[in-house]
C-alpha atoms as a PDB file:
ATOM      1  CA  MET A   1     176.138 153.921 121.059  1.00  0.00           C
ATOM      2  CA  LYS A   2     179.508 153.270 119.649  1.00  0.00           C
ATOM      3  CA  ALA A   3     178.404 153.347 116.132  1.00  0.00           C
ATOM      4  CA  TYR A   4     176.949 156.998 116.982  1.00  0.00           C
ATOM      5  CA  ARG A   5     180.426 158.103 118.376  1.00  0.00           C
ATOM      6  CA  ALA A   6     182.118 156.532 115.461  1.00  0.00           C
ATOM      7  CA  PHE A   7     179.789 158.081 112.761  1.00  0.00           C
ATOM      8  CA  VAL A   8     180.225 161.650 114.854  1.00  0.00           C
ATOM      9  CA  GLY A   9     183.786 161.126 115.035  1.00  0.00           C
ATOM     10  CA  CYS A  10     184.641 160.685 111.266  1.00  0.00           C
ATOM     11  CA  ALA A  11     181.634 162.989 109.807  1.00  0.00           C
ATOM     12  CA  TYR A  12     181.831 166.491 108.854  1.00  0.00           C
ATOM     13  CA  ILE A  13     179.316 168.373 110.842  1.00  0.00           C
ATOM     14  CA  THR A  14     178.823 172.246 110.536  1.00  0.00           C
ATOM     15  CA  VAL A  15     177.788 173.569 114.211  1.00  0.00           C
ATOM     16  CA  LEU A  16     175.374 176.609 114.026  1.00  0.00           C
ATOM     17  CA  SER A  17     174.265 178.891 116.839  1.00  0.00           C
ATOM     18  CA  GLN A  18     170.234 178.982 117.117  1.00  0.00           C
ATOM     19  CA  ALA A  19     170.506 182.273 115.532  1.00  0.00           C
ATOM     20  CA  GLU A  20     172.746 181.401 112.358  1.00  0.00           C
ATOM     21  CA  ALA A  21     170.116 178.266 112.239  1.00  0.00           C
ATOM     22  CA  LYS A  22     166.687 180.441 112.076  1.00  0.00           C
ATOM     23  CA  ALA A  23     168.576 182.330 109.257  1.00  0.00           C
ATOM     24  CA  LYS A  24     169.127 179.450 107.186  1.00  0.00           C
ATOM     25  CA  GLY A  25     165.453 178.691 107.794  1.00  0.00           C
ATOM     26  CA  VAL A  26     165.968 175.738 110.304  1.00  0.00           C
ATOM     27  CA  VAL A  27     163.534 175.833 113.250  1.00  0.00           C
ATOM     28  CA  ILE A  28     164.350 173.570 116.202  1.00  0.00           C
ATOM     29  CA  GLU A  29     161.244 172.243 118.379  1.00  0.00           C
ATOM     30  CA  GLY A  30     161.096 173.883 121.813  1.00  0.00           C
ATOM     31  CA  GLY A  31     164.831 175.547 121.092  1.00  0.00           C
ATOM     32  CA  ARG A  32     166.515 172.212 121.936  1.00  0.00           C
ATOM     33  CA  PRO A  33     169.833 171.314 120.607  1.00  0.00           C
ATOM     34  CA  GLY A  34     169.815 168.724 117.893  1.00  0.00           C
ATOM     35  CA  LEU A  35     171.582 166.930 114.972  1.00  0.00           C
ATOM     36  CA  ILE A  36     169.865 167.553 111.982  1.00  0.00           C
ATOM     37  CA  TYR A  37     170.548 167.773 107.779  1.00  0.00           C
ATOM     38  CA  VAL A  38     170.132 170.556 106.113  1.00  0.00           C
ATOM     39  CA  PRO A  39     170.226 170.210 102.368  1.00  0.00           C
ATOM     40  CA  THR A  40     172.596 173.173 101.447  1.00  0.00           C
ATOM     41  CA  THR A  41     174.670 172.700 104.284  1.00  0.00           C
ATOM     42  CA  GLY A  42     174.714 168.783 104.981  1.00  0.00           C
ATOM     43  CA  LEU A  43     174.706 167.433 108.823  1.00  0.00           C
ATOM     44  CA  THR A  44     174.485 170.353 110.949  1.00  0.00           C
ATOM     45  CA  PHE A  45     174.326 170.623 114.853  1.00  0.00           C
ATOM     46  CA  VAL A  46     172.310 173.503 116.033  1.00  0.00           C
ATOM     47  CA  GLN A  47     173.411 174.568 119.701  1.00  0.00           C
ATOM     48  CA  ALA A  48     170.988 175.065 122.614  1.00  0.00           C
ATOM     49  CA  LEU A  49     170.275 178.967 123.221  1.00  0.00           C
ATOM     50  CA  GLN A  50     172.741 180.862 125.293  1.00  0.00           C
ATOM     51  CA  LEU A  51     172.288 182.125 128.784  1.00  0.00           C
ATOM     52  CA  PRO A  52     172.291 185.661 129.343  1.00  0.00           C
ATOM     53  CA  PRO A  53     175.107 187.220 131.306  1.00  0.00           C
ATOM     54  CA  GLY A  54     174.359 186.308 134.976  1.00  0.00           C
ATOM     55  CA  GLY A  55     172.405 183.285 134.131  1.00  0.00           C
ATOM     56  CA  GLY A  56     168.686 183.314 134.205  1.00  0.00           C
ATOM     57  CA  SER A  57     166.141 182.163 131.912  1.00  0.00           C
ATOM     58  CA  VAL A  58     166.145 181.819 128.067  1.00  0.00           C
ATOM     59  CA  LYS A  59     162.321 182.553 127.914  1.00  0.00           C
ATOM     60  CA  SER A  60     161.342 185.687 125.996  1.00  0.00           C
ATOM     61  CA  GLY A  61     159.706 188.046 128.457  1.00  0.00           C
ATOM     62  CA  SER A  62     155.747 188.551 128.043  1.00  0.00           C
END
């Protein structure tokens, strides 16, 4: 765990929202946040889905 924290502490990481990641062609399984490598961007952290105002579910209404 210490090695991971040290790596993240000194590495340059781009933070993207789900919408920004999708626009770059990155699809995260199950909408979960994750640290991935994108060839044109480098190390990227994709954030979790934002909850709608007032809380609630992030699932699409179907």
